[in-house]
Amino acid sequence: MFPRSGVQLKTIPYLGELPRWLNLALRVSEDSTHDQFKMGCVIVKSGSILALAANHHQWGRHCEKRALSRIDNAEGSTIYVMRANRRISKPCFRCLLLLKEKQIRKAVYINRLGQIEECRV
């Protein structure tokens, strides 16, 4: 799906109830100041939260970028991204490249079919 970024995708079935970290990202997304794309994310490593962030109303302030700016070392961590309306919440291509640069191990989000998708970055 993202051939230039080297991302591998895996779809995970779920039965309506969101896993813990996606549920937290959903709650964070409600604090977004963006009118159309209320997104939130949680960066987790070894079961501990490293950072939380919501989108800012300006296009250049995606939640992934804001969360990564709050931590020094994200190597080996997982980022959970969620949209307030539970629609597609896949990180944009630029954010995926940033996640790869910061050595995030994987990203978890909702795909266009409403399924949880996990990608190794």
Protein backbone atom coordinates (compact mmCIF):
# COMPACT_ATOMS: atom_id res chain seq x y z
CA MET A 1 0.00 0.00 0.00
CA PHE A 2 2.92 2.35 0.69
CA PRO A 3 5.59 0.91 -1.61
CA ARG A 4 8.03 3.84 -1.36
CA SER A 5 7.97 3.91 2.45
CA GLY A 6 8.68 0.20 3.00
CA VAL A 7 5.61 -0.18 5.23
CA GLN A 8 4.11 -3.65 5.79
CA LEU A 9 0.39 -3.86 6.62
CA LYS A 10 -1.57 -6.29 8.78
CA THR A 11 -5.34 -6.12 9.39
CA ILE A 12 -6.59 -7.05 12.88
CA PRO A 13 -10.28 -7.93 13.33
CA TYR A 14 -12.15 -6.38 16.24
CA LEU A 15 -15.72 -6.62 17.48
CA GLY A 16 -16.77 -3.03 18.13
CA GLU A 17 -14.80 -2.41 21.31
CA LEU A 18 -11.51 -0.65 20.75
CA PRO A 19 -8.27 -1.87 22.30
CA ARG A 20 -6.99 0.17 25.26
CA TRP A 21 -4.54 2.47 23.46
CA LEU A 22 -6.83 3.16 20.48
CA ASN A 23 -9.58 4.04 22.94
CA LEU A 24 -7.24 6.52 24.64
CA ALA A 25 -6.28 8.00 21.24
CA LEU A 26 -10.02 8.38 20.53
CA ARG A 27 -10.46 10.36 23.76
CA VAL A 28 -7.41 12.51 22.92
CA SER A 29 -8.86 13.22 19.44
CA GLU A 30 -11.81 14.95 21.07
CA ASP A 31 -9.39 17.71 22.20
CA SER A 32 -8.42 18.46 18.60
CA THR A 33 -8.89 22.05 17.47
CA HIS A 34 -9.25 20.99 13.83
CA ASP A 35 -12.85 21.24 12.62
CA GLN A 36 -12.84 18.52 9.95
CA PHE A 37 -10.15 16.04 11.00
CA LYS A 38 -10.26 15.58 14.76
CA MET A 39 -7.34 13.21 15.22
CA GLY A 40 -5.49 12.04 18.29
CA CYS A 41 -2.55 9.74 18.94
CA VAL A 42 -0.76 7.96 21.74
CA ILE A 43 2.87 6.81 21.58
CA VAL A 44 3.52 3.77 23.77
CA LYS A 45 6.67 1.83 24.60
CA SER A 46 6.81 -1.22 26.88
CA GLY A 47 3.30 -0.49 28.18
CA SER A 48 4.11 3.10 29.17
CA ILE A 49 2.78 6.24 27.53
CA LEU A 50 5.54 8.40 26.05
CA ALA A 51 3.33 11.13 24.53
CA LEU A 52 -0.25 12.13 23.69
CA ALA A 53 -1.33 14.72 21.14
CA ALA A 54 -4.31 15.95 19.13
CA ASN A 55 -4.36 17.72 15.76
CA HIS A 56 -4.02 21.47 15.80
CA HIS A 57 -6.22 23.58 13.53
CA GLN A 58 -3.29 24.35 11.25
CA TRP A 59 -2.55 21.71 8.60
CA GLY A 60 1.12 21.50 9.53
CA ARG A 61 0.37 20.33 13.05
CA HIS A 62 -0.68 16.70 12.69
CA CYS A 63 -1.05 14.82 15.95
CA GLU A 64 1.82 12.45 15.08
CA LYS A 65 4.21 15.36 14.57
CA ARG A 66 3.05 17.09 17.75
CA ALA A 67 3.47 13.92 19.84
CA LEU A 68 6.93 13.17 18.46
CA SER A 69 8.07 16.72 19.23
CA ARG A 70 7.40 16.03 22.93
CA ILE A 71 9.79 13.09 23.32
CA ASP A 72 13.51 12.59 22.76
CA ASN A 73 13.65 8.90 21.85
CA ALA A 74 10.74 7.05 20.22
CA GLU A 75 12.84 4.13 18.95
CA GLY A 76 10.95 0.82 19.12
CA SER A 77 7.66 2.36 20.23
CA THR A 78 4.13 2.00 18.83
CA ILE A 79 1.87 4.86 17.81
CA TYR A 80 -1.92 4.54 17.98
CA VAL A 81 -3.83 7.03 15.82
CA MET A 82 -7.57 7.58 16.04
CA ARG A 83 -10.14 9.96 14.54
CA ALA A 84 -12.96 11.29 16.74
CA ASN A 85 -15.68 9.93 14.43
CA ARG A 86 -13.98 6.50 14.23
CA ARG A 87 -13.48 6.82 10.48
CA ILE A 88 -10.23 6.22 8.64
CA SER A 89 -7.33 7.38 10.78
CA LYS A 90 -4.33 6.26 8.75
CA PRO A 91 -1.31 8.57 9.11
CA CYS A 92 -0.59 10.59 5.97
CA PHE A 93 2.43 9.69 3.85
CA ARG A 94 4.55 12.51 5.34
CA CYS A 95 3.73 11.34 8.87
CA LEU A 96 4.61 7.74 7.95
CA LEU A 97 8.00 8.93 6.73
CA LEU A 98 8.46 10.88 9.98
CA LEU A 99 7.54 7.76 12.00
CA LYS A 100 10.11 5.78 10.05
CA GLU A 101 12.74 8.48 10.62
CA LYS A 102 12.06 8.46 14.37
CA GLN A 103 12.27 4.62 14.38
CA ILE A 104 8.70 3.98 15.51
CA ARG A 105 8.24 0.19 15.34
CA LYS A 106 4.59 0.17 14.24
CA ALA A 107 1.49 2.30 13.73
CA VAL A 108 -2.04 1.15 14.60
CA TYR A 109 -5.11 2.91 13.18
CA ILE A 110 -8.53 2.40 11.55
CA ASN A 111 -8.46 1.67 7.81
CA ARG A 112 -11.03 2.75 5.20
CA LEU A 113 -13.07 -0.42 5.84
CA GLY A 114 -13.42 0.40 9.53
CA GLN A 115 -10.97 -2.31 10.59
CA ILE A 116 -7.98 -1.94 12.86
CA GLU A 117 -4.83 -1.96 10.78
CA GLU A 118 -1.28 -2.31 12.02
CA CYS A 119 1.69 -1.35 9.91
CA ARG A 120 5.34 -2.01 10.61
CA VAL A 121 7.22 1.16 9.84
